[in-house]
PDB file of N, CA and C in Angstrom:
ATOM      1  N   MET A   1      45.564  58.617 -30.370  1.00  0.00           N
ATOM      2  CA  MET A   1      46.314  58.006 -31.700  1.00  0.00           C
ATOM      3  C   MET A   1      47.040  59.230 -31.852  1.00  0.00           C
ATOM      4  N   ASP A   2      47.140  60.184 -30.912  1.00  0.00           N
ATOM      5  CA  ASP A   2      48.170  61.793 -31.686  1.00  0.00           C
ATOM      6  C   ASP A   2      49.838  61.421 -31.135  1.00  0.00           C
ATOM      7  N   ASN A   3      49.174  60.757 -29.613  1.00  0.00           N
ATOM      8  CA  ASN A   3      50.427  60.733 -29.123  1.00  0.00           C
ATOM      9  C   ASN A   3      51.557  59.112 -30.157  1.00  0.00           C
ATOM     10  N   LEU A   4      50.578  58.266 -30.368  1.00  0.00           N
ATOM     11  CA  LEU A   4      51.925  58.114 -31.172  1.00  0.00           C
ATOM     12  C   LEU A   4      52.416  58.397 -32.095  1.00  0.00           C
ATOM     13  N   ARG A   5      51.898  59.117 -32.811  1.00  0.00           N
ATOM     14  CA  ARG A   5      52.173  60.746 -34.044  1.00  0.00           C
ATOM     15  C   ARG A   5      53.079  61.511 -33.394  1.00  0.00           C
ATOM     16  N   PHE A   6      53.485  61.902 -31.294  1.00  0.00           N
ATOM     17  CA  PHE A   6      53.855  62.839 -31.783  1.00  0.00           C
ATOM     18  C   PHE A   6      55.352  61.289 -31.330  1.00  0.00           C
ATOM     19  N   ALA A   7      55.410  60.365 -30.225  1.00  0.00           N
ATOM     20  CA  ALA A   7      56.534  59.492 -30.243  1.00  0.00           C
ATOM     21  C   ALA A   7      57.029  59.369 -31.276  1.00  0.00           C
ATOM     22  N   LEU A   8      56.003  59.435 -32.480  1.00  0.00           N
ATOM     23  CA  LEU A   8      56.860  59.036 -34.172  1.00  0.00           C
ATOM     24  C   LEU A   8      58.018  60.069 -34.700  1.00  0.00           C
ATOM     25  N   GLU A   9      56.984  61.415 -34.180  1.00  0.00           N
ATOM     26  CA  GLU A   9      57.957  62.636 -34.949  1.00  0.00           C
ATOM     27  C   GLU A   9      59.301  62.322 -34.125  1.00  0.00           C
ATOM     28  N   GLY A  10      58.842  62.373 -32.592  1.00  0.00           N
ATOM     29  CA  GLY A  10      60.245  62.313 -31.802  1.00  0.00           C
ATOM     30  C   GLY A  10      61.375  61.524 -31.708  1.00  0.00           C
ATOM     31  N   ALA A  11      60.801  59.849 -32.128  1.00  0.00           N
ATOM     32  CA  ALA A  11      61.976  59.104 -32.896  1.00  0.00           C
ATOM     33  C   ALA A  11      62.332  58.992 -34.376  1.00  0.00           C
ATOM     34  N   TRP A  12      62.225  59.741 -34.870  1.00  0.00           N
ATOM     35  CA  TRP A  12      62.500  60.137 -36.351  1.00  0.00           C
ATOM     36  C   TRP A  12      63.445  61.007 -36.357  1.00  0.00           C
ATOM     37  N   LYS A  13      63.553  62.306 -34.848  1.00  0.00           N
ATOM     38  CA  LYS A  13      64.365  63.191 -35.142  1.00  0.00           C
ATOM     39  C   LYS A  13      65.940  62.769 -34.710  1.00  0.00           C
ATOM     40  N   VAL A  14      65.789  62.087 -33.607  1.00  0.00           N
ATOM     41  CA  VAL A  14      67.014  61.164 -32.923  1.00  0.00           C
ATOM     42  C   VAL A  14      67.590  60.437 -33.271  1.00  0.00           C
ATOM     43  N   LEU A  15      66.590  59.559 -34.461  1.00  0.00           N
ATOM     44  CA  LEU A  15      67.440  58.729 -35.362  1.00  0.00           C
ATOM     45  C   LEU A  15      68.166  59.615 -36.646  1.00  0.00           C
ATOM     46  N   ALA A  16      67.596  60.754 -36.690  1.00  0.00           N
ATOM     47  CA  ALA A  16      67.937  61.905 -37.640  1.00  0.00           C
ATOM     48  C   ALA A  16      69.449  62.273 -37.499  1.00  0.00           C
ATOM     49  N   ILE A  17      69.352  62.458 -36.313  1.00  0.00           N
ATOM     50  CA  ILE A  17      70.293  63.208 -35.535  1.00  0.00           C
ATOM     51  C   ILE A  17      71.716  62.290 -35.101  1.00  0.00           C
ATOM     52  N   GLY A  18      71.382  60.749 -34.698  1.00  0.00           N
ATOM     53  CA  GLY A  18      71.954  59.836 -34.703  1.00  0.00           C
ATOM     54  C   GLY A  18      72.711  59.680 -35.764  1.00  0.00           C
ATOM     55  N   LEU A  19      72.210  59.302 -37.141  1.00  0.00           N
ATOM     56  CA  LEU A  19      72.874  59.221 -38.479  1.00  0.00           C
ATOM     57  C   LEU A  19      73.878  60.623 -38.806  1.00  0.00           C
ATOM     58  N   VAL A  20      73.820  61.639 -38.618  1.00  0.00           N
ATOM     59  CA  VAL A  20      74.439  62.635 -38.325  1.00  0.00           C
ATOM     60  C   VAL A  20      75.792  62.696 -38.070  1.00  0.00           C
ATOM     61  N   VAL A  21      74.965  62.922 -36.368  1.00  0.00           N
ATOM     62  CA  VAL A  21      76.455  62.441 -35.982  1.00  0.00           C
ATOM     63  C   VAL A  21      77.197  61.238 -35.907  1.00  0.00           C
ATOM     64  N   GLY A  22      76.240  60.282 -35.509  1.00  0.00           N
ATOM     65  CA  GLY A  22      76.974  58.652 -35.361  1.00  0.00           C
ATOM     66  C   GLY A  22      77.792  58.164 -36.794  1.00  0.00           C
ATOM     67  N   ALA A  23      77.226  58.122 -37.912  1.00  0.00           N
ATOM     68  CA  ALA A  23      78.284  58.105 -38.772  1.00  0.00           C
ATOM     69  C   ALA A  23      78.748  59.094 -39.944  1.00  0.00           C
ATOM     70  N   GLY A  24      77.848  60.234 -39.539  1.00  0.00           N
ATOM     71  CA  GLY A  24      78.708  61.374 -40.623  1.00  0.00           C
ATOM     72  C   GLY A  24      80.087  62.043 -39.999  1.00  0.00           C
ATOM     73  N   VAL A  25      80.655  61.806 -38.899  1.00  0.00           N
ATOM     74  CA  VAL A  25      81.135  62.145 -38.218  1.00  0.00           C
ATOM     75  C   VAL A  25      83.074  60.984 -38.114  1.00  0.00           C
ATOM     76  N   PRO A  26      82.591  59.735 -38.419  1.00  0.00           N
ATOM     77  CA  PRO A  26      83.361  58.841 -38.614  1.00  0.00           C
ATOM     78  C   PRO A  26      83.919  58.941 -40.306  1.00  0.00           C
ATOM     79  N   VAL A  27      83.198  59.697 -40.815  1.00  0.00           N
ATOM     80  CA  VAL A  27      82.866  59.287 -42.548  1.00  0.00           C
ATOM     81  C   VAL A  27      83.813  60.890 -42.394  1.00  0.00           C
ATOM     82  N   VAL A  28      83.685  61.400 -42.076  1.00  0.00           N
ATOM     83  CA  VAL A  28      84.751  63.119 -42.442  1.00  0.00           C
ATOM     84  C   VAL A  28      85.835  62.523 -41.960  1.00  0.00           C
ATOM     85  N   PHE A  29      85.804  61.632 -40.594  1.00  0.00           N
ATOM     86  CA  PHE A  29      87.121  62.047 -40.064  1.00  0.00           C
ATOM     87  C   PHE A  29      88.242  60.765 -40.881  1.00  0.00           C
ATOM     88  N   ALA A  30      87.466  59.397 -41.842  1.00  0.00           N
ATOM     89  CA  ALA A  30      87.825  58.638 -42.642  1.00  0.00           C
ATOM     90  C   ALA A  30      88.179  59.229 -44.095  1.00  0.00           C
ATOM     91  N   LEU A  31      87.771  60.669 -44.298  1.00  0.00           N
ATOM     92  CA  LEU A  31      87.747  61.485 -45.810  1.00  0.00           C
ATOM     93  C   LEU A  31      89.576  62.063 -45.232  1.00  0.00           C
ATOM     94  N   GLY A  32      89.105  62.213 -44.136  1.00  0.00           N
ATOM     95  CA  GLY A  32      90.628  62.756 -43.080  1.00  0.00           C
ATOM     96  C   GLY A  32      91.714  62.115 -43.380  1.00  0.00           C
ATOM     97  N   ILE A  33      91.742  60.945 -43.552  1.00  0.00           N
ATOM     98  CA  ILE A  33      93.031  60.533 -43.144  1.00  0.00           C
ATOM     99  C   ILE A  33      93.081  59.969 -44.490  1.00  0.00           C
ATOM    100  N   ARG A  34      92.259  59.330 -45.063  1.00  0.00           N
ATOM    101  CA  ARG A  34      92.403  58.899 -47.006  1.00  0.00           C
ATOM    102  C   ARG A  34      93.203  60.817 -47.614  1.00  0.00           C
ATOM    103  N   SER A  35      91.847  62.261 -47.093  1.00  0.00           N
ATOM    104  CA  SER A  35      93.178  63.034 -47.872  1.00  0.00           C
ATOM    105  C   SER A  35      94.607  63.304 -47.608  1.00  0.00           C
ATOM    106  N   LEU A  36      94.828  62.375 -46.014  1.00  0.00           N
ATOM    107  CA  LEU A  36      96.041  62.811 -45.502  1.00  0.00           C
ATOM    108  C   LEU A  36      97.279  61.589 -46.298  1.00  0.00           C
ATOM    109  N   ALA A  37      96.609  60.479 -47.004  1.00  0.00           N
ATOM    110  CA  ALA A  37      97.294  59.651 -47.221  1.00  0.00           C
ATOM    111  C   ALA A  37      97.474  60.292 -49.026  1.00  0.00           C
ATOM    112  N   PHE A  38      96.716  61.276 -49.721  1.00  0.00           N
ATOM    113  CA  PHE A  38      96.811  61.435 -50.363  1.00  0.00           C
ATOM    114  C   PHE A  38      97.619  62.181 -50.663  1.00  0.00           C
ATOM    115  N   GLY A  39      97.998  63.526 -49.469  1.00  0.00           N
ATOM    116  CA  GLY A  39      99.052  64.631 -49.644  1.00  0.00           C
ATOM    117  C   GLY A  39     100.209  64.252 -49.033  1.00  0.00           C
ATOM    118  N   ALA A  40     100.521  63.213 -48.845  1.00  0.00           N
ATOM    119  CA  ALA A  40     101.408  62.132 -48.097  1.00  0.00           C
ATOM    120  C   ALA A  40     101.996  62.043 -49.634  1.00  0.00           C
ATOM    121  N   GLY A  41     101.424  61.212 -50.193  1.00  0.00           N
ATOM    122  CA  GLY A  41     102.128  60.545 -51.809  1.00  0.00           C
ATOM    123  C   GLY A  41     102.507  59.652 -51.200  1.00  0.00           C
ATOM    124  N   GLY A  42     103.797  59.147 -52.297  1.00  0.00           N
ATOM    125  CA  GLY A  42     104.635  57.723 -52.014  1.00  0.00           C
ATOM    126  C   GLY A  42     104.235  56.849 -51.701  1.00  0.00           C
ATOM    127  N   ASP A  43     104.899  56.155 -50.473  1.00  0.00           N
ATOM    128  CA  ASP A  43     104.500  54.515 -50.092  1.00  0.00           C
ATOM    129  C   ASP A  43     102.643  54.742 -49.082  1.00  0.00           C
ATOM    130  N   ALA A  44     102.007  56.144 -48.667  1.00  0.00           N
ATOM    131  CA  ALA A  44     101.295  56.380 -48.499  1.00  0.00           C
ATOM    132  C   ALA A  44      99.893  55.869 -49.434  1.00  0.00           C
ATOM    133  N   GLU A  45     100.552  56.340 -50.532  1.00  0.00           N
ATOM    134  CA  GLU A  45      99.551  55.609 -52.380  1.00  0.00           C
ATOM    135  C   GLU A  45      99.488  54.824 -52.920  1.00  0.00           C
ATOM    136  N   THR A  46      98.940  54.124 -53.331  1.00  0.00           N
ATOM    137  CA  THR A  46      99.308  52.474 -53.413  1.00  0.00           C
ATOM    138  C   THR A  46      99.708  52.803 -55.273  1.00  0.00           C
ATOM    139  N   ASP A  47      99.756  53.931 -56.262  1.00  0.00           N
ATOM    140  CA  ASP A  47     100.646  54.407 -57.277  1.00  0.00           C
ATOM    141  C   ASP A  47     101.379  55.076 -57.276  1.00  0.00           C
ATOM    142  N   HIS A  48     102.628  55.407 -55.757  1.00  0.00           N
ATOM    143  CA  HIS A  48     103.175  55.920 -54.950  1.00  0.00           C
ATOM    144  C   HIS A  48     103.034  57.467 -56.269  1.00  0.00           C
ATOM    145  N   ALA A  49     102.200  57.992 -55.829  1.00  0.00           N
ATOM    146  CA  ALA A  49     102.357  58.821 -57.010  1.00  0.00           C
ATOM    147  C   ALA A  49     102.750  60.636 -55.695  1.00  0.00           C
ATOM    148  N   ALA A  50     103.241  61.366 -56.391  1.00  0.00           N
ATOM    149  CA  ALA A  50     103.812  62.242 -55.990  1.00  0.00           C
ATOM    150  C   ALA A  50     103.134  62.694 -54.437  1.00  0.00           C
ATOM    151  N   PRO A  51     103.833  64.161 -53.381  1.00  0.00           N
ATOM    152  CA  PRO A  51     102.348  64.521 -52.681  1.00  0.00           C
ATOM    153  C   PRO A  51     101.823  65.293 -53.030  1.00  0.00           C
ATOM    154  N   HIS A  52     100.760  65.982 -52.614  1.00  0.00           N
ATOM    155  CA  HIS A  52      99.908  66.424 -53.081  1.00  0.00           C
ATOM    156  C   HIS A  52      99.205  67.612 -52.224  1.00  0.00           C
ATOM    157  N   PRO A  53     100.133  68.898 -51.715  1.00  0.00           N
ATOM    158  CA  PRO A  53      99.584  69.607 -50.724  1.00  0.00           C
ATOM    159  C   PRO A  53      97.772  70.282 -50.864  1.00  0.00           C
ATOM    160  N   LEU A  54      96.703  70.520 -51.611  1.00  0.00           N
ATOM    161  CA  LEU A  54      95.960  69.779 -51.223  1.00  0.00           C
ATOM    162  C   LEU A  54      95.150  68.375 -50.394  1.00  0.00           C
ATOM    163  N   GLY A  55      95.655  67.009 -50.619  1.00  0.00           N
ATOM    164  CA  GLY A  55      95.222  66.527 -49.471  1.00  0.00           C
ATOM    165  C   GLY A  55      96.022  66.821 -48.193  1.00  0.00           C
ATOM    166  N   ARG A  56      96.759  68.028 -47.969  1.00  0.00           N
ATOM    167  CA  ARG A  56      96.527  67.941 -46.440  1.00  0.00           C
ATOM    168  C   ARG A  56      95.744  69.378 -45.877  1.00  0.00           C
ATOM    169  N   VAL A  57      95.847  70.666 -47.347  1.00  0.00           N
ATOM    170  CA  VAL A  57      94.701  70.801 -46.312  1.00  0.00           C
ATOM    171  C   VAL A  57      93.076  70.234 -46.099  1.00  0.00           C
ATOM    172  N   LEU A  58      93.078  69.657 -47.582  1.00  0.00           N
ATOM    173  CA  LEU A  58      91.628  68.652 -47.239  1.00  0.00           C
ATOM    174  C   LEU A  58      91.496  67.821 -45.749  1.00  0.00           C
ATOM    175  N   ALA A  59      92.675  67.408 -45.594  1.00  0.00           N
ATOM    176  CA  ALA A  59      92.741  66.557 -44.279  1.00  0.00           C
ATOM    177  C   ALA A  59      92.355  67.234 -42.974  1.00  0.00           C
ATOM    178  N   THR A  60      93.145  68.919 -42.920  1.00  0.00           N
ATOM    179  CA  THR A  60      93.009  69.962 -42.050  1.00  0.00           C
ATOM    180  C   THR A  60      91.540  70.336 -41.930  1.00  0.00           C
ATOM    181  N   LEU A  61      91.240  70.650 -42.784  1.00  0.00           N
ATOM    182  CA  LEU A  61      89.583  70.535 -42.511  1.00  0.00           C
ATOM    183  C   LEU A  61      88.932  69.643 -41.998  1.00  0.00           C
ATOM    184  N   CYS A  62      89.252  68.372 -42.418  1.00  0.00           N
ATOM    185  CA  CYS A  62      87.854  67.316 -42.222  1.00  0.00           C
ATOM    186  C   CYS A  62      88.023  67.433 -40.927  1.00  0.00           C
ATOM    187  N   PHE A  63      89.698  66.921 -40.323  1.00  0.00           N
ATOM    188  CA  PHE A  63      90.145  66.901 -38.426  1.00  0.00           C
ATOM    189  C   PHE A  63      89.816  68.357 -37.880  1.00  0.00           C
ATOM    190  N   VAL A  64      89.327  69.662 -38.146  1.00  0.00           N
ATOM    191  CA  VAL A  64      89.094  70.626 -38.059  1.00  0.00           C
ATOM    192  C   VAL A  64      87.330  70.586 -37.422  1.00  0.00           C
ATOM    193  N   VAL A  65      86.500  70.275 -38.823  1.00  0.00           N
ATOM    194  CA  VAL A  65      85.075  69.648 -38.249  1.00  0.00           C
ATOM    195  C   VAL A  65      85.125  68.596 -37.773  1.00  0.00           C
ATOM    196  N   VAL A  66      85.832  67.756 -37.497  1.00  0.00           N
ATOM    197  CA  VAL A  66      85.361  66.223 -36.677  1.00  0.00           C
ATOM    198  C   VAL A  66      86.149  66.933 -34.760  1.00  0.00           C
ATOM    199  N   VAL A  67      86.620  67.816 -34.884  1.00  0.00           N
ATOM    200  CA  VAL A  67      87.132  67.992 -33.632  1.00  0.00           C
ATOM    201  C   VAL A  67      86.033  69.072 -32.935  1.00  0.00           C
ATOM    202  N   ALA A  68      85.775  70.405 -33.446  1.00  0.00           N
ATOM    203  CA  ALA A  68      84.602  70.751 -33.851  1.00  0.00           C
ATOM    204  C   ALA A  68      83.123  70.349 -33.056  1.00  0.00           C
ATOM    205  N   VAL A  69      82.813  69.403 -33.541  1.00  0.00           N
ATOM    206  CA  VAL A  69      82.129  68.675 -32.966  1.00  0.00           C
ATOM    207  C   VAL A  69      81.830  68.232 -32.163  1.00  0.00           C
ATOM    208  N   VAL A  70      83.126  67.139 -32.006  1.00  0.00           N
ATOM    209  CA  VAL A  70      83.272  67.013 -30.112  1.00  0.00           C
ATOM    210  C   VAL A  70      83.360  67.415 -29.427  1.00  0.00           C
ATOM    211  N   ALA A  71      84.264  68.860 -29.943  1.00  0.00           N
ATOM    212  CA  ALA A  71      83.934  70.332 -28.719  1.00  0.00           C
ATOM    213  C   ALA A  71      82.406  70.786 -28.584  1.00  0.00           C
ATOM    214  N   ILE A  72      81.891  71.051 -28.891  1.00  0.00           N
ATOM    215  CA  ILE A  72      80.477  71.320 -29.381  1.00  0.00           C
ATOM    216  C   ILE A  72      79.576  70.210 -28.794  1.00  0.00           C
ATOM    217  N   GLY A  73      79.443  68.689 -28.731  1.00  0.00           N
ATOM    218  CA  GLY A  73      79.130  67.803 -28.141  1.00  0.00           C
ATOM    219  C   GLY A  73      79.035  67.687 -26.399  1.00  0.00           C
ATOM    220  N   LEU A  74      80.636  67.770 -25.856  1.00  0.00           N
ATOM    221  CA  LEU A  74      80.638  68.050 -24.705  1.00  0.00           C
ATOM    222  C   LEU A  74      80.654  69.153 -24.054  1.00  0.00           C
ATOM    223  N   ALA A  75      80.624  69.793 -24.618  1.00  0.00           N
ATOM    224  CA  ALA A  75      80.345  71.379 -24.241  1.00  0.00           C
ATOM    225  C   ALA A  75      78.750  71.317 -23.975  1.00  0.00           C
ATOM    226  N   ILE A  76      78.244  70.750 -24.671  1.00  0.00           N
ATOM    227  CA  ILE A  76      76.787  70.888 -24.421  1.00  0.00           C
ATOM    228  C   ILE A  76      76.237  69.895 -22.824  1.00  0.00           C
ATOM    229  N   ILE A  77      76.633  68.428 -22.983  1.00  0.00           N
ATOM    230  CA  ILE A  77      77.232  67.545 -22.069  1.00  0.00           C
ATOM    231  C   ILE A  77      77.414  68.218 -20.581  1.00  0.00           C
ATOM    232  N   VAL A  78      78.402  69.813 -20.775  1.00  0.00           N
ATOM    233  CA  VAL A  78      79.232  69.976 -19.697  1.00  0.00           C
ATOM    234  C   VAL A  78      77.808  71.183 -18.782  1.00  0.00           C
ATOM    235  N   ALA A  79      77.464  71.930 -20.111  1.00  0.00           N
ATOM    236  CA  ALA A  79      76.165  72.720 -19.858  1.00  0.00           C
ATOM    237  C   ALA A  79      75.515  71.952 -19.120  1.00  0.00           C
ATOM    238  N   SER A  80      74.755  70.786 -19.569  1.00  0.00           N
ATOM    239  CA  SER A  80      73.522  70.750 -18.571  1.00  0.00           C
ATOM    240  C   SER A  80      74.254  69.884 -17.147  1.00  0.00           C
ATOM    241  N   GLY A  81      75.143  69.758 -17.213  1.00  0.00           N
ATOM    242  CA  GLY A  81      75.592  69.260 -15.640  1.00  0.00           C
ATOM    243  C   GLY A  81      75.402  70.383 -14.884  1.00  0.00           C
ATOM    244  N   LEU A  82      75.645  71.778 -15.480  1.00  0.00           N
ATOM    245  CA  LEU A  82      75.928  72.768 -14.515  1.00  0.00           C
ATOM    246  C   LEU A  82      74.505  73.478 -14.975  1.00  0.00           C
ATOM    247  N   GLY A  83      73.111  73.057 -15.024  1.00  0.00           N
ATOM    248  CA  GLY A  83      72.454  74.058 -15.110  1.00  0.00           C
ATOM    249  C   GLY A  83      71.859  74.815 -15.843  1.00  0.00           C
ATOM    250  N   LYS A  84      72.932  74.748 -16.995  1.00  0.00           N
ATOM    251  CA  LYS A  84      72.873  75.934 -18.073  1.00  0.00           C
ATOM    252  C   LYS A  84      72.544  75.142 -19.384  1.00  0.00           C
ATOM    253  N   GLU A  85      72.566  75.849 -20.332  1.00  0.00           N
ATOM    254  CA  GLU A  85      71.842  75.092 -22.129  1.00  0.00           C
ATOM    255  C   GLU A  85      73.337  75.853 -23.049  1.00  0.00           C
ATOM    256  N   VAL A  86      73.533  75.899 -24.309  1.00  0.00           N
ATOM    257  CA  VAL A  86      74.442  76.053 -25.429  1.00  0.00           C
ATOM    258  C   VAL A  86      73.769  76.374 -25.834  1.00  0.00           C
ATOM    259  N   SER A  87      74.328  77.951 -25.999  1.00  0.00           N
ATOM    260  CA  SER A  87      73.408  78.945 -26.921  1.00  0.00           C
ATOM    261  C   SER A  87      73.704  79.412 -28.373  1.00  0.00           C
ATOM    262  N   PHE A  88      73.667  78.992 -29.435  1.00  0.00           N
ATOM    263  CA  PHE A  88      73.920  79.734 -30.799  1.00  0.00           C
ATOM    264  C   PHE A  88      73.489  80.624 -31.157  1.00  0.00           C
ATOM    265  N   ASP A  89      73.110  81.515 -30.859  1.00  0.00           N
ATOM    266  CA  ASP A  89      72.487  83.585 -30.422  1.00  0.00           C
ATOM    267  C   ASP A  89      73.875  83.650 -31.849  1.00  0.00           C
ATOM    268  N   HIS A  90      74.759  83.871 -31.247  1.00  0.00           N
ATOM    269  CA  HIS A  90      75.990  84.607 -31.905  1.00  0.00           C
ATOM    270  C   HIS A  90      76.843  83.111 -32.489  1.00  0.00           C
ATOM    271  N   VAL A  91      77.454  83.677 -33.051  1.00  0.00           N
ATOM    272  CA  VAL A  91      78.321  82.762 -34.143  1.00  0.00           C
ATOM    273  C   VAL A  91      79.010  82.142 -33.481  1.00  0.00           C
ATOM    274  N   PHE A  92      79.639  82.293 -32.223  1.00  0.00           N
ATOM    275  CA  PHE A  92      79.704  80.715 -31.470  1.00  0.00           C
ATOM    276  C   PHE A  92      79.086  80.621 -30.340  1.00  0.00           C
ATOM    277  N   PRO A  93      79.247  78.960 -29.787  1.00  0.00           N
ATOM    278  CA  PRO A  93      78.359  78.661 -28.682  1.00  0.00           C
ATOM    279  C   PRO A  93      78.162  79.382 -27.597  1.00  0.00           C
ATOM    280  N   THR A  94      77.660  79.771 -27.091  1.00  0.00           N
ATOM    281  CA  THR A  94      78.163  80.453 -25.518  1.00  0.00           C
ATOM    282  C   THR A  94      77.302  79.369 -24.399  1.00  0.00           C
ATOM    283  N   PHE A  95      77.647  79.652 -23.186  1.00  0.00           N
ATOM    284  CA  PHE A  95      76.027  78.983 -22.198  1.00  0.00           C
ATOM    285  C   PHE A  95      75.994  80.266 -21.650  1.00  0.00           C
ATOM    286  N   ALA A  96      74.638  79.724 -21.564  1.00  0.00           N
ATOM    287  CA  ALA A  96      72.918  80.635 -21.069  1.00  0.00           C
ATOM    288  C   ALA A  96      72.688  79.881 -20.310  1.00  0.00           C
ATOM    289  N   ASP A  97      71.792  80.850 -19.180  1.00  0.00           N
ATOM    290  CA  ASP A  97      70.852  80.399 -18.464  1.00  0.00           C
ATOM    291  C   ASP A  97      70.011  79.255 -18.845  1.00  0.00           C
ATOM    292  N   LYS A  98      69.271  78.431 -18.692  1.00  0.00           N
ATOM    293  CA  LYS A  98      68.301  77.665 -19.052  1.00  0.00           C
ATOM    294  C   LYS A  98      66.777  78.732 -19.010  1.00  0.00           C
ATOM    295  N   LYS A  99      66.069  78.689 -19.585  1.00  0.00           N
ATOM    296  CA  LYS A  99      64.752  80.099 -20.251  1.00  0.00           C
ATOM    297  C   LYS A  99      64.012  78.876 -18.705  1.00  0.00           C
TER     298      LYS A  99
END
């Protein structure tokens, strides 16, 4: 019975990460696109409002988050191919030898 509990624990963790990365990153990207339209104003908006600089700042932050998540994901894939792992012991992720 413990094996079933361990399997369900692992499945739950995979599901949670899949939802965060699989659905969360596209949502952040969509918010960035919406913020970019808000920042552009004019014909990009339905009410043809004036441009808002805050929209461009929010769009830039959203796109930076998306690019960072993709870069970290690629780093993890490359590290595992090189026989290393990605360590988050410091502020920036680094490659480290597997323990």
